[in-house]
PDB file of N, CA and C in Angstrom:
ATOM      1  N   UNK A   1    -103.720 -42.671 -18.078  1.00  0.00           N
ATOM      2  CA  UNK A   1    -103.240 -42.384 -16.690  1.00  0.00           C
ATOM      3  C   UNK A   1    -101.994 -42.584 -16.322  1.00  0.00           C
ATOM      4  N   UNK A   2    -101.624 -43.476 -15.823  1.00  0.00           N
ATOM      5  CA  UNK A   2    -100.320 -43.808 -15.934  1.00  0.00           C
ATOM      6  C   UNK A   2     -99.135 -43.356 -17.067  1.00  0.00           C
ATOM      7  N   UNK A   3     -99.364 -43.394 -18.483  1.00  0.00           N
ATOM      8  CA  UNK A   3     -98.462 -42.766 -19.491  1.00  0.00           C
ATOM      9  C   UNK A   3     -98.669 -41.101 -18.873  1.00  0.00           C
ATOM     10  N   UNK A   4     -99.518 -40.657 -18.655  1.00  0.00           N
ATOM     11  CA  UNK A   4     -99.374 -39.326 -18.440  1.00  0.00           C
ATOM     12  C   UNK A   4     -98.840 -38.712 -17.564  1.00  0.00           C
ATOM     13  N   UNK A   5     -99.085 -39.618 -15.696  1.00  0.00           N
ATOM     14  CA  UNK A   5     -98.182 -39.595 -14.910  1.00  0.00           C
ATOM     15  C   UNK A   5     -96.361 -39.433 -15.073  1.00  0.00           C
ATOM     16  N   UNK A   6     -96.321 -40.580 -15.861  1.00  0.00           N
ATOM     17  CA  UNK A   6     -95.003 -40.925 -16.433  1.00  0.00           C
ATOM     18  C   UNK A   6     -94.505 -39.715 -16.978  1.00  0.00           C
ATOM     19  N   UNK A   7     -95.034 -39.440 -17.552  1.00  0.00           N
ATOM     20  CA  UNK A   7     -94.991 -38.359 -18.929  1.00  0.00           C
ATOM     21  C   UNK A   7     -94.733 -37.042 -18.167  1.00  0.00           C
ATOM     22  N   UNK A   8     -95.144 -36.966 -17.033  1.00  0.00           N
ATOM     23  CA  UNK A   8     -95.407 -35.819 -16.284  1.00  0.00           C
ATOM     24  C   UNK A   8     -93.998 -35.642 -15.134  1.00  0.00           C
ATOM     25  N   UNK A   9     -93.498 -36.887 -14.682  1.00  0.00           N
ATOM     26  CA  UNK A   9     -92.507 -36.847 -14.209  1.00  0.00           C
ATOM     27  C   UNK A   9     -91.264 -36.626 -14.617  1.00  0.00           C
ATOM     28  N   UNK A  10     -91.139 -37.375 -15.901  1.00  0.00           N
ATOM     29  CA  UNK A  10     -89.874 -37.600 -16.599  1.00  0.00           C
ATOM     30  C   UNK A  10     -89.796 -35.772 -17.087  1.00  0.00           C
ATOM     31  N   UNK A  11     -91.254 -35.034 -17.213  1.00  0.00           N
ATOM     32  CA  UNK A  11     -90.851 -33.846 -18.313  1.00  0.00           C
ATOM     33  C   UNK A  11     -90.326 -32.877 -16.783  1.00  0.00           C
ATOM     34  N   UNK A  12     -90.946 -33.117 -15.368  1.00  0.00           N
ATOM     35  CA  UNK A  12     -90.283 -32.434 -14.477  1.00  0.00           C
ATOM     36  C   UNK A  12     -88.929 -32.741 -13.836  1.00  0.00           C
ATOM     37  N   UNK A  13     -88.764 -33.506 -14.136  1.00  0.00           N
ATOM     38  CA  UNK A  13     -86.781 -34.249 -14.021  1.00  0.00           C
ATOM     39  C   UNK A  13     -86.160 -33.475 -14.665  1.00  0.00           C
ATOM     40  N   UNK A  14     -86.539 -34.088 -16.665  1.00  0.00           N
ATOM     41  CA  UNK A  14     -85.490 -33.329 -17.353  1.00  0.00           C
ATOM     42  C   UNK A  14     -85.681 -31.995 -16.794  1.00  0.00           C
ATOM     43  N   UNK A  15     -86.447 -31.338 -16.730  1.00  0.00           N
ATOM     44  CA  UNK A  15     -86.136 -29.516 -16.586  1.00  0.00           C
ATOM     45  C   UNK A  15     -85.765 -29.217 -15.479  1.00  0.00           C
ATOM     46  N   UNK A  16     -85.727 -30.192 -14.098  1.00  0.00           N
ATOM     47  CA  UNK A  16     -84.957 -29.959 -12.675  1.00  0.00           C
ATOM     48  C   UNK A  16     -83.494 -30.183 -13.481  1.00  0.00           C
ATOM     49  N   UNK A  17     -83.182 -30.985 -14.196  1.00  0.00           N
ATOM     50  CA  UNK A  17     -81.702 -31.252 -13.959  1.00  0.00           C
ATOM     51  C   UNK A  17     -81.356 -30.235 -15.675  1.00  0.00           C
ATOM     52  N   UNK A  18     -82.182 -30.092 -15.964  1.00  0.00           N
ATOM     53  CA  UNK A  18     -81.675 -28.829 -17.026  1.00  0.00           C
ATOM     54  C   UNK A  18     -81.434 -27.413 -16.073  1.00  0.00           C
ATOM     55  N   UNK A  19     -82.467 -26.776 -15.070  1.00  0.00           N
ATOM     56  CA  UNK A  19     -82.087 -25.685 -14.318  1.00  0.00           C
ATOM     57  C   UNK A  19     -80.655 -26.261 -13.801  1.00  0.00           C
ATOM     58  N   UNK A  20     -80.682 -27.185 -13.161  1.00  0.00           N
ATOM     59  CA  UNK A  20     -79.532 -27.752 -12.568  1.00  0.00           C
ATOM     60  C   UNK A  20     -78.035 -27.253 -13.349  1.00  0.00           C
ATOM     61  N   UNK A  21     -77.948 -27.949 -14.440  1.00  0.00           N
ATOM     62  CA  UNK A  21     -77.043 -28.038 -15.519  1.00  0.00           C
ATOM     63  C   UNK A  21     -76.589 -25.897 -15.496  1.00  0.00           C
ATOM     64  N   UNK A  22     -78.019 -25.435 -15.615  1.00  0.00           N
ATOM     65  CA  UNK A  22     -77.936 -24.069 -15.897  1.00  0.00           C
ATOM     66  C   UNK A  22     -77.246 -23.577 -14.902  1.00  0.00           C
ATOM     67  N   UNK A  23     -77.476 -24.219 -13.555  1.00  0.00           N
ATOM     68  CA  UNK A  23     -76.680 -23.571 -12.287  1.00  0.00           C
ATOM     69  C   UNK A  23     -75.080 -23.785 -12.319  1.00  0.00           C
ATOM     70  N   UNK A  24     -75.416 -24.704 -12.614  1.00  0.00           N
ATOM     71  CA  UNK A  24     -73.929 -25.239 -12.476  1.00  0.00           C
ATOM     72  C   UNK A  24     -72.714 -24.653 -13.409  1.00  0.00           C
ATOM     73  N   UNK A  25     -73.457 -23.834 -14.665  1.00  0.00           N
ATOM     74  CA  UNK A  25     -72.568 -23.675 -15.809  1.00  0.00           C
ATOM     75  C   UNK A  25     -72.353 -21.672 -15.378  1.00  0.00           C
ATOM     76  N   UNK A  26     -73.488 -21.399 -14.676  1.00  0.00           N
ATOM     77  CA  UNK A  26     -72.950 -19.780 -14.384  1.00  0.00           C
ATOM     78  C   UNK A  26     -71.947 -19.192 -14.515  1.00  0.00           C
ATOM     79  N   UNK A  27     -71.499 -18.178 -14.925  1.00  0.00           N
ATOM     80  CA  UNK A  27     -70.766 -17.304 -15.074  1.00  0.00           C
ATOM     81  C   UNK A  27     -70.277 -15.699 -13.574  1.00  0.00           C
ATOM     82  N   UNK A  28     -71.886 -15.774 -13.916  1.00  0.00           N
ATOM     83  CA  UNK A  28     -71.805 -14.453 -13.122  1.00  0.00           C
ATOM     84  C   UNK A  28     -71.577 -13.166 -14.075  1.00  0.00           C
ATOM     85  N   UNK A  29     -71.535 -12.386 -13.721  1.00  0.00           N
ATOM     86  CA  UNK A  29     -71.310 -10.566 -14.379  1.00  0.00           C
ATOM     87  C   UNK A  29     -69.436 -10.795 -14.247  1.00  0.00           C
ATOM     88  N   UNK A  30     -69.084 -10.437 -15.093  1.00  0.00           N
ATOM     89  CA  UNK A  30     -67.708  -9.915 -15.365  1.00  0.00           C
ATOM     90  C   UNK A  30     -67.025  -9.179 -14.167  1.00  0.00           C
ATOM     91  N   UNK A  31     -65.704  -8.923 -13.718  1.00  0.00           N
ATOM     92  CA  UNK A  31     -65.216  -7.818 -13.198  1.00  0.00           C
ATOM     93  C   UNK A  31     -64.077  -7.528 -13.955  1.00  0.00           C
ATOM     94  N   UNK A  32     -63.586  -6.924 -14.848  1.00  0.00           N
ATOM     95  CA  UNK A  32     -62.682  -6.803 -15.677  1.00  0.00           C
ATOM     96  C   UNK A  32     -61.831  -5.596 -15.146  1.00  0.00           C
ATOM     97  N   UNK A  33     -62.197  -4.855 -14.031  1.00  0.00           N
ATOM     98  CA  UNK A  33     -61.516  -3.543 -13.816  1.00  0.00           C
ATOM     99  C   UNK A  33     -62.188  -3.886 -12.517  1.00  0.00           C
ATOM    100  N   UNK A  34     -61.135  -2.851 -11.673  1.00  0.00           N
ATOM    101  CA  UNK A  34     -61.555  -2.642 -10.082  1.00  0.00           C
ATOM    102  C   UNK A  34     -62.672  -1.872  -9.989  1.00  0.00           C
ATOM    103  N   UNK A  35     -63.085  -0.230 -10.989  1.00  0.00           N
ATOM    104  CA  UNK A  35     -64.090  -0.099 -10.438  1.00  0.00           C
ATOM    105  C   UNK A  35     -65.482  -1.350 -10.984  1.00  0.00           C
ATOM    106  N   UNK A  36     -65.303  -1.632 -11.839  1.00  0.00           N
ATOM    107  CA  UNK A  36     -66.623  -2.595 -11.756  1.00  0.00           C
ATOM    108  C   UNK A  36     -66.963  -3.850 -11.197  1.00  0.00           C
ATOM    109  N   UNK A  37     -65.309  -4.599 -10.616  1.00  0.00           N
ATOM    110  CA  UNK A  37     -65.508  -4.980  -9.902  1.00  0.00           C
ATOM    111  C   UNK A  37     -66.808  -4.410  -8.095  1.00  0.00           C
ATOM    112  N   UNK A  38     -66.283  -3.638  -7.837  1.00  0.00           N
ATOM    113  CA  UNK A  38     -66.418  -2.521  -6.567  1.00  0.00           C
ATOM    114  C   UNK A  38     -68.027  -2.002  -7.191  1.00  0.00           C
ATOM    115  N   UNK A  39     -68.684  -2.456  -8.106  1.00  0.00           N
ATOM    116  CA  UNK A  39     -69.781  -1.478  -8.629  1.00  0.00           C
ATOM    117  C   UNK A  39     -70.905  -3.139  -8.340  1.00  0.00           C
ATOM    118  N   UNK A  40     -70.172  -4.416  -9.155  1.00  0.00           N
ATOM    119  CA  UNK A  40     -70.679  -5.374  -8.860  1.00  0.00           C
ATOM    120  C   UNK A  40     -71.207  -5.449  -7.758  1.00  0.00           C
ATOM    121  N   UNK A  41     -69.941  -5.381  -6.723  1.00  0.00           N
ATOM    122  CA  UNK A  41     -70.050  -5.802  -5.024  1.00  0.00           C
ATOM    123  C   UNK A  41     -71.337  -5.046  -4.572  1.00  0.00           C
ATOM    124  N   UNK A  42     -71.427  -3.978  -5.057  1.00  0.00           N
ATOM    125  CA  UNK A  42     -71.991  -3.146  -4.125  1.00  0.00           C
ATOM    126  C   UNK A  42     -73.693  -3.326  -4.864  1.00  0.00           C
ATOM    127  N   UNK A  43     -73.776  -3.760  -5.677  1.00  0.00           N
ATOM    128  CA  UNK A  43     -75.388  -3.807  -6.321  1.00  0.00           C
ATOM    129  C   UNK A  43     -75.711  -5.241  -6.281  1.00  0.00           C
ATOM    130  N   UNK A  44     -75.086  -6.337  -6.204  1.00  0.00           N
ATOM    131  CA  UNK A  44     -75.495  -7.241  -5.557  1.00  0.00           C
ATOM    132  C   UNK A  44     -75.192  -7.506  -4.192  1.00  0.00           C
ATOM    133  N   UNK A  45     -74.258  -7.345  -3.611  1.00  0.00           N
ATOM    134  CA  UNK A  45     -74.736  -7.291  -1.759  1.00  0.00           C
ATOM    135  C   UNK A  45     -75.923  -6.708  -1.667  1.00  0.00           C
ATOM    136  N   UNK A  46     -76.261  -5.512  -2.258  1.00  0.00           N
ATOM    137  CA  UNK A  46     -77.906  -4.955  -1.944  1.00  0.00           C
ATOM    138  C   UNK A  46     -79.149  -6.039  -2.527  1.00  0.00           C
ATOM    139  N   UNK A  47     -78.855  -6.734  -3.697  1.00  0.00           N
ATOM    140  CA  UNK A  47     -79.665  -7.982  -3.885  1.00  0.00           C
ATOM    141  C   UNK A  47     -79.778  -8.854  -2.620  1.00  0.00           C
ATOM    142  N   UNK A  48     -78.975  -9.658  -2.356  1.00  0.00           N
ATOM    143  CA  UNK A  48     -78.225  -9.894  -1.210  1.00  0.00           C
ATOM    144  C   UNK A  48     -78.871 -10.056   0.671  1.00  0.00           C
ATOM    145  N   UNK A  49     -79.103  -8.796   0.456  1.00  0.00           N
ATOM    146  CA  UNK A  49     -79.916  -8.023   1.528  1.00  0.00           C
ATOM    147  C   UNK A  49     -80.609  -7.921   2.004  1.00  0.00           C
ATOM    148  N   UNK A  50     -81.373  -7.936   0.007  1.00  0.00           N
ATOM    149  CA  UNK A  50     -83.135  -8.163   0.547  1.00  0.00           C
ATOM    150  C   UNK A  50     -83.675  -9.407   0.464  1.00  0.00           C
ATOM    151  N   UNK A  51     -82.417  -9.880  -0.716  1.00  0.00           N
ATOM    152  CA  UNK A  51     -83.243 -11.789  -0.380  1.00  0.00           C
ATOM    153  C   UNK A  51     -83.190 -12.279   0.905  1.00  0.00           C
ATOM    154  N   UNK A  52     -81.944 -12.201   1.399  1.00  0.00           N
ATOM    155  CA  UNK A  52     -82.170 -12.887   3.020  1.00  0.00           C
ATOM    156  C   UNK A  52     -83.014 -12.479   4.412  1.00  0.00           C
ATOM    157  N   UNK A  53     -83.231 -10.896   3.607  1.00  0.00           N
ATOM    158  CA  UNK A  53     -84.258 -10.204   4.980  1.00  0.00           C
ATOM    159  C   UNK A  53     -85.336 -11.307   4.982  1.00  0.00           C
ATOM    160  N   UNK A  54     -85.920 -12.033   4.289  1.00  0.00           N
ATOM    161  CA  UNK A  54     -87.295 -12.498   3.988  1.00  0.00           C
ATOM    162  C   UNK A  54     -87.414 -14.073   4.573  1.00  0.00           C
ATOM    163  N   UNK A  55     -88.149 -14.669   4.422  1.00  0.00           N
ATOM    164  CA  UNK A  55     -88.210 -16.002   4.712  1.00  0.00           C
ATOM    165  C   UNK A  55     -87.689 -16.668   2.929  1.00  0.00           C
ATOM    166  N   UNK A  56     -86.945 -17.638   2.837  1.00  0.00           N
ATOM    167  CA  UNK A  56     -86.561 -17.836   1.772  1.00  0.00           C
ATOM    168  C   UNK A  56     -87.295 -19.038   0.993  1.00  0.00           C
ATOM    169  N   UNK A  57     -87.638 -18.529  -0.414  1.00  0.00           N
ATOM    170  CA  UNK A  57     -88.308 -19.322  -1.152  1.00  0.00           C
ATOM    171  C   UNK A  57     -87.263 -20.764  -2.109  1.00  0.00           C
ATOM    172  N   UNK A  58     -87.251 -21.556  -2.678  1.00  0.00           N
ATOM    173  CA  UNK A  58     -86.610 -21.895  -3.571  1.00  0.00           C
ATOM    174  C   UNK A  58     -86.414 -21.103  -4.577  1.00  0.00           C
ATOM    175  N   UNK A  59     -86.992 -20.330  -5.467  1.00  0.00           N
ATOM    176  CA  UNK A  59     -86.974 -19.143  -6.340  1.00  0.00           C
ATOM    177  C   UNK A  59     -85.730 -18.542  -5.935  1.00  0.00           C
ATOM    178  N   UNK A  60     -85.596 -17.701  -4.426  1.00  0.00           N
ATOM    179  CA  UNK A  60     -84.631 -16.684  -4.239  1.00  0.00           C
ATOM    180  C   UNK A  60     -83.636 -17.230  -3.583  1.00  0.00           C
ATOM    181  N   UNK A  61     -83.673 -18.889  -3.221  1.00  0.00           N
ATOM    182  CA  UNK A  61     -82.644 -20.059  -2.893  1.00  0.00           C
ATOM    183  C   UNK A  61     -81.475 -19.787  -4.709  1.00  0.00           C
ATOM    184  N   UNK A  62     -82.596 -20.555  -5.496  1.00  0.00           N
ATOM    185  CA  UNK A  62     -81.495 -20.138  -6.917  1.00  0.00           C
ATOM    186  C   UNK A  62     -81.119 -18.549  -7.417  1.00  0.00           C
ATOM    187  N   UNK A  63     -81.804 -17.444  -6.552  1.00  0.00           N
ATOM    188  CA  UNK A  63     -81.598 -16.189  -6.940  1.00  0.00           C
ATOM    189  C   UNK A  63     -79.694 -15.730  -6.293  1.00  0.00           C
ATOM    190  N   UNK A  64     -80.403 -16.255  -5.186  1.00  0.00           N
ATOM    191  CA  UNK A  64     -79.143 -16.323  -4.042  1.00  0.00           C
ATOM    192  C   UNK A  64     -77.806 -16.966  -4.737  1.00  0.00           C
ATOM    193  N   UNK A  65     -77.835 -17.808  -5.370  1.00  0.00           N
ATOM    194  CA  UNK A  65     -77.022 -19.332  -5.726  1.00  0.00           C
ATOM    195  C   UNK A  65     -76.518 -18.400  -7.206  1.00  0.00           C
ATOM    196  N   UNK A  66     -77.335 -17.436  -7.900  1.00  0.00           N
ATOM    197  CA  UNK A  66     -76.402 -17.044  -9.316  1.00  0.00           C
ATOM    198  C   UNK A  66     -76.197 -15.803  -8.753  1.00  0.00           C
ATOM    199  N   UNK A  67     -76.907 -14.870  -7.894  1.00  0.00           N
ATOM    200  CA  UNK A  67     -75.800 -13.537  -7.941  1.00  0.00           C
ATOM    201  C   UNK A  67     -74.575 -13.889  -7.067  1.00  0.00           C
ATOM    202  N   UNK A  68     -73.887 -15.271  -6.207  1.00  0.00           N
ATOM    203  CA  UNK A  68     -73.002 -15.376  -5.459  1.00  0.00           C
ATOM    204  C   UNK A  68     -71.868 -15.380  -6.384  1.00  0.00           C
ATOM    205  N   UNK A  69     -72.079 -16.035  -8.073  1.00  0.00           N
ATOM    206  CA  UNK A  69     -70.914 -15.906  -8.950  1.00  0.00           C
ATOM    207  C   UNK A  69     -70.720 -14.707  -9.444  1.00  0.00           C
ATOM    208  N   UNK A  70     -71.231 -13.808  -8.912  1.00  0.00           N
ATOM    209  CA  UNK A  70     -70.959 -12.157  -9.713  1.00  0.00           C
ATOM    210  C   UNK A  70     -70.244 -11.832  -8.393  1.00  0.00           C
ATOM    211  N   UNK A  71     -70.243 -11.873  -7.070  1.00  0.00           N
ATOM    212  CA  UNK A  71     -69.979 -11.404  -5.848  1.00  0.00           C
ATOM    213  C   UNK A  71     -68.745 -12.263  -6.240  1.00  0.00           C
ATOM    214  N   UNK A  72     -68.465 -13.813  -6.180  1.00  0.00           N
ATOM    215  CA  UNK A  72     -66.957 -13.845  -5.862  1.00  0.00           C
ATOM    216  C   UNK A  72     -66.623 -13.422  -7.005  1.00  0.00           C
ATOM    217  N   UNK A  73     -66.824 -13.137  -8.511  1.00  0.00           N
ATOM    218  CA  UNK A  73     -65.819 -12.443  -9.421  1.00  0.00           C
ATOM    219  C   UNK A  73     -65.353 -11.102  -8.986  1.00  0.00           C
ATOM    220  N   UNK A  74     -66.294 -10.744  -8.496  1.00  0.00           N
ATOM    221  CA  UNK A  74     -66.120  -9.275  -8.143  1.00  0.00           C
ATOM    222  C   UNK A  74     -64.970  -9.016  -7.059  1.00  0.00           C
ATOM    223  N   UNK A  75     -65.299 -10.289  -6.040  1.00  0.00           N
ATOM    224  CA  UNK A  75     -64.420 -10.306  -4.712  1.00  0.00           C
ATOM    225  C   UNK A  75     -62.748 -10.926  -5.466  1.00  0.00           C
ATOM    226  N   UNK A  76     -62.569 -11.724  -6.075  1.00  0.00           N
ATOM    227  CA  UNK A  76     -61.526 -12.328  -6.553  1.00  0.00           C
ATOM    228  C   UNK A  76     -60.444 -11.001  -7.373  1.00  0.00           C
ATOM    229  N   UNK A  77     -61.294 -10.617  -8.237  1.00  0.00           N
ATOM    230  CA  UNK A  77     -60.544  -8.497  -8.466  1.00  0.00           C
ATOM    231  C   UNK A  77     -59.751  -8.067  -7.829  1.00  0.00           C
ATOM    232  N   UNK A  78     -61.122  -7.671  -6.604  1.00  0.00           N
ATOM    233  CA  UNK A  78     -60.508  -7.240  -5.706  1.00  0.00           C
ATOM    234  C   UNK A  78     -59.620  -7.353  -5.223  1.00  0.00           C
ATOM    235  N   UNK A  79     -59.046  -8.402  -4.952  1.00  0.00           N
ATOM    236  CA  UNK A  79     -57.900  -8.940  -4.069  1.00  0.00           C
ATOM    237  C   UNK A  79     -56.863  -9.501  -4.784  1.00  0.00           C
ATOM    238  N   UNK A  80     -57.139  -9.394  -6.092  1.00  0.00           N
ATOM    239  CA  UNK A  80     -55.989  -9.658  -7.364  1.00  0.00           C
ATOM    240  C   UNK A  80     -55.198  -7.920  -7.010  1.00  0.00           C
ATOM    241  N   UNK A  81     -56.479  -6.855  -7.556  1.00  0.00           N
ATOM    242  CA  UNK A  81     -55.752  -5.661  -7.499  1.00  0.00           C
ATOM    243  C   UNK A  81     -55.243  -5.026  -6.302  1.00  0.00           C
ATOM    244  N   UNK A  82     -55.994  -5.141  -5.081  1.00  0.00           N
ATOM    245  CA  UNK A  82     -55.339  -5.048  -3.699  1.00  0.00           C
ATOM    246  C   UNK A  82     -53.850  -4.873  -3.622  1.00  0.00           C
ATOM    247  N   UNK A  83     -53.518  -6.386  -3.425  1.00  0.00           N
ATOM    248  CA  UNK A  83     -51.836  -6.689  -4.088  1.00  0.00           C
ATOM    249  C   UNK A  83     -51.553  -5.874  -4.352  1.00  0.00           C
ATOM    250  N   UNK A  84     -51.470  -5.711  -5.786  1.00  0.00           N
ATOM    251  CA  UNK A  84     -50.814  -4.679  -6.633  1.00  0.00           C
ATOM    252  C   UNK A  84     -51.155  -3.100  -5.877  1.00  0.00           C
ATOM    253  N   UNK A  85     -52.294  -2.586  -5.445  1.00  0.00           N
ATOM    254  CA  UNK A  85     -52.171  -1.300  -4.398  1.00  0.00           C
ATOM    255  C   UNK A  85     -51.437  -1.429  -3.099  1.00  0.00           C
ATOM    256  N   UNK A  86     -51.484  -2.603  -2.617  1.00  0.00           N
ATOM    257  CA  UNK A  86     -50.065  -2.644  -1.370  1.00  0.00           C
ATOM    258  C   UNK A  86     -49.038  -2.731  -1.790  1.00  0.00           C
ATOM    259  N   UNK A  87     -48.418  -3.023  -2.527  1.00  0.00           N
ATOM    260  CA  UNK A  87     -47.160  -3.091  -3.444  1.00  0.00           C
ATOM    261  C   UNK A  87     -46.874  -1.875  -3.678  1.00  0.00           C
ATOM    262  N   UNK A  88     -47.662  -0.946  -4.543  1.00  0.00           N
ATOM    263  CA  UNK A  88     -47.466   0.170  -4.603  1.00  0.00           C
ATOM    264  C   UNK A  88     -47.566   1.200  -3.196  1.00  0.00           C
ATOM    265  N   UNK A  89     -48.152   0.875  -2.309  1.00  0.00           N
ATOM    266  CA  UNK A  89     -48.513   1.666  -0.883  1.00  0.00           C
ATOM    267  C   UNK A  89     -46.909   1.192  -0.295  1.00  0.00           C
ATOM    268  N   UNK A  90     -46.492   0.316  -0.205  1.00  0.00           N
ATOM    269  CA  UNK A  90     -44.839   0.054   0.155  1.00  0.00           C
ATOM    270  C   UNK A  90     -43.872   0.468  -0.446  1.00  0.00           C
ATOM    271  N   UNK A  91     -43.737   0.305  -1.492  1.00  0.00           N
ATOM    272  CA  UNK A  91     -42.807   1.179  -2.077  1.00  0.00           C
ATOM    273  C   UNK A  91     -42.904   2.435  -1.953  1.00  0.00           C
ATOM    274  N   UNK A  92     -43.696   3.448  -1.565  1.00  0.00           N
ATOM    275  CA  UNK A  92     -44.368   4.308  -1.436  1.00  0.00           C
ATOM    276  C   UNK A  92     -43.498   5.206   0.302  1.00  0.00           C
ATOM    277  N   UNK A  93     -44.035   3.716   1.176  1.00  0.00           N
ATOM    278  CA  UNK A  93     -43.464   3.873   2.361  1.00  0.00           C
ATOM    279  C   UNK A  93     -41.603   3.569   2.338  1.00  0.00           C
ATOM    280  N   UNK A  94     -41.480   2.911   1.490  1.00  0.00           N
ATOM    281  CA  UNK A  94     -39.751   2.537   1.283  1.00  0.00           C
ATOM    282  C   UNK A  94     -39.235   3.409   1.036  1.00  0.00           C
ATOM    283  N   UNK A  95     -39.790   4.336  -0.058  1.00  0.00           N
ATOM    284  CA  UNK A  95     -39.022   5.311  -1.035  1.00  0.00           C
ATOM    285  C   UNK A  95     -39.033   6.260   0.148  1.00  0.00           C
ATOM    286  N   UNK A  96     -40.170   6.704   1.318  1.00  0.00           N
ATOM    287  CA  UNK A  96     -40.484   7.832   1.608  1.00  0.00           C
ATOM    288  C   UNK A  96     -39.283   7.725   3.269  1.00  0.00           C
ATOM    289  N   UNK A  97     -38.617   6.155   3.555  1.00  0.00           N
ATOM    290  CA  UNK A  97     -38.222   6.537   4.496  1.00  0.00           C
ATOM    291  C   UNK A  97     -36.657   6.420   3.682  1.00  0.00           C
ATOM    292  N   UNK A  98     -35.984   6.209   2.364  1.00  0.00           N
ATOM    293  CA  UNK A  98     -35.051   6.357   2.012  1.00  0.00           C
ATOM    294  C   UNK A  98     -34.577   7.729   1.628  1.00  0.00           C
ATOM    295  N   UNK A  99     -35.854   8.583   1.436  1.00  0.00           N
ATOM    296  CA  UNK A  99     -35.502  10.097   1.413  1.00  0.00           C
ATOM    297  C   UNK A  99     -35.679   9.819  -0.430  1.00  0.00           C
ATOM    298  N   UNK A 100     -36.551   9.239  -1.237  1.00  0.00           N
ATOM    299  CA  UNK A 100     -36.543   9.099  -1.990  1.00  0.00           C
ATOM    300  C   UNK A 100     -37.672   9.584  -3.031  1.00  0.00           C
ATOM    301  N   UNK A 101     -37.597  11.534  -3.621  1.00  0.00           N
ATOM    302  CA  UNK A 101     -39.177  11.763  -3.969  1.00  0.00           C
ATOM    303  C   UNK A 101     -39.505  11.066  -4.995  1.00  0.00           C
ATOM    304  N   UNK A 102     -38.965  11.090  -6.165  1.00  0.00           N
ATOM    305  CA  UNK A 102     -39.104  10.130  -7.521  1.00  0.00           C
ATOM    306  C   UNK A 102     -39.787   9.360  -7.255  1.00  0.00           C
ATOM    307  N   UNK A 103     -39.556   8.183  -6.436  1.00  0.00           N
ATOM    308  CA  UNK A 103     -40.252   6.878  -6.594  1.00  0.00           C
ATOM    309  C   UNK A 103     -41.505   7.788  -5.581  1.00  0.00           C
ATOM    310  N   UNK A 104     -41.628   8.111  -4.900  1.00  0.00           N
ATOM    311  CA  UNK A 104     -42.778   8.387  -3.688  1.00  0.00           C
ATOM    312  C   UNK A 104     -43.809   9.108  -4.681  1.00  0.00           C
ATOM    313  N   UNK A 105     -43.079   9.629  -5.678  1.00  0.00           N
ATOM    314  CA  UNK A 105     -44.057  10.632  -6.241  1.00  0.00           C
ATOM    315  C   UNK A 105     -44.811   9.381  -7.450  1.00  0.00           C
ATOM    316  N   UNK A 106     -43.915   8.795  -8.181  1.00  0.00           N
ATOM    317  CA  UNK A 106     -43.987   7.952  -9.017  1.00  0.00           C
ATOM    318  C   UNK A 106     -44.988   6.354  -8.500  1.00  0.00           C
ATOM    319  N   UNK A 107     -44.670   6.152  -7.306  1.00  0.00           N
ATOM    320  CA  UNK A 107     -45.163   4.933  -7.002  1.00  0.00           C
ATOM    321  C   UNK A 107     -46.697   5.529  -6.474  1.00  0.00           C
ATOM    322  N   UNK A 108     -46.396   6.815  -5.707  1.00  0.00           N
ATOM    323  CA  UNK A 108     -47.349   7.431  -4.834  1.00  0.00           C
ATOM    324  C   UNK A 108     -48.551   7.508  -5.801  1.00  0.00           C
ATOM    325  N   UNK A 109     -48.484   8.028  -7.245  1.00  0.00           N
ATOM    326  CA  UNK A 109     -49.530   8.149  -7.982  1.00  0.00           C
ATOM    327  C   UNK A 109     -50.464   6.780  -8.064  1.00  0.00           C
ATOM    328  N   UNK A 110     -49.128   5.749  -8.380  1.00  0.00           N
ATOM    329  CA  UNK A 110     -49.436   4.586  -8.525  1.00  0.00           C
ATOM    330  C   UNK A 110     -50.807   4.105  -8.249  1.00  0.00           C
ATOM    331  N   UNK A 111     -50.327   4.115  -6.506  1.00  0.00           N
ATOM    332  CA  UNK A 111     -51.375   3.660  -5.730  1.00  0.00           C
ATOM    333  C   UNK A 111     -52.622   4.337  -5.270  1.00  0.00           C
ATOM    334  N   UNK A 112     -52.517   5.984  -5.694  1.00  0.00           N
ATOM    335  CA  UNK A 112     -53.615   6.556  -5.872  1.00  0.00           C
ATOM    336  C   UNK A 112     -54.682   6.014  -6.988  1.00  0.00           C
ATOM    337  N   UNK A 113     -54.284   5.765  -7.892  1.00  0.00           N
ATOM    338  CA  UNK A 113     -54.583   5.883  -9.334  1.00  0.00           C
ATOM    339  C   UNK A 113     -55.322   4.295  -9.123  1.00  0.00           C
ATOM    340  N   UNK A 114     -54.858   3.319  -8.355  1.00  0.00           N
ATOM    341  CA  UNK A 114     -55.242   2.543  -8.041  1.00  0.00           C
ATOM    342  C   UNK A 114     -56.277   1.841  -6.891  1.00  0.00           C
ATOM    343  N   UNK A 115     -55.939   2.427  -5.777  1.00  0.00           N
ATOM    344  CA  UNK A 115     -56.700   2.473  -4.954  1.00  0.00           C
ATOM    345  C   UNK A 115     -58.504   3.762  -5.030  1.00  0.00           C
ATOM    346  N   UNK A 116     -58.271   4.475  -6.056  1.00  0.00           N
ATOM    347  CA  UNK A 116     -59.706   5.257  -6.345  1.00  0.00           C
ATOM    348  C   UNK A 116     -60.970   4.801  -6.794  1.00  0.00           C
ATOM    349  N   UNK A 117     -61.288   3.595  -7.256  1.00  0.00           N
ATOM    350  CA  UNK A 117     -62.085   3.096  -7.388  1.00  0.00           C
ATOM    351  C   UNK A 117     -62.477   2.669  -5.933  1.00  0.00           C
ATOM    352  N   UNK A 118     -62.063   2.227  -5.063  1.00  0.00           N
ATOM    353  CA  UNK A 118     -62.210   1.444  -3.445  1.00  0.00           C
ATOM    354  C   UNK A 118     -62.757   2.990  -2.848  1.00  0.00           C
ATOM    355  N   UNK A 119     -61.775   4.310  -2.482  1.00  0.00           N
ATOM    356  CA  UNK A 119     -62.076   5.266  -2.168  1.00  0.00           C
ATOM    357  C   UNK A 119     -63.182   6.067  -2.376  1.00  0.00           C
ATOM    358  N   UNK A 120     -64.540   5.590  -2.842  1.00  0.00           N
ATOM    359  CA  UNK A 120     -65.819   6.566  -3.357  1.00  0.00           C
ATOM    360  C   UNK A 120     -66.279   7.051  -2.119  1.00  0.00           C
TER     361      UNK A 120
END
């Protein structure tokens, strides 16, 4: 009986350690493009909303933990791309003040191409 209890406890503890190790090494879905980041943000926000709308179980907490990696990847990509989009818009703004239509058109196209995945 004591051996069975020790074996059972050891098995449970090692399974828990493996689960924790898996969670610690989770990477989430990649966000290689702004469009992919926005899609992941939308889909995983919906999942998060559904999970937190009810009493939380340990399984649901694990799900939240794992989906947060994808959300973090998405936000990191969006932040990175927004910096470039903002720079393009600022170039449009300055070029319009300087009466520089070629730059307005070139940077305006770059701005619109960049922001398109966000403005849907």
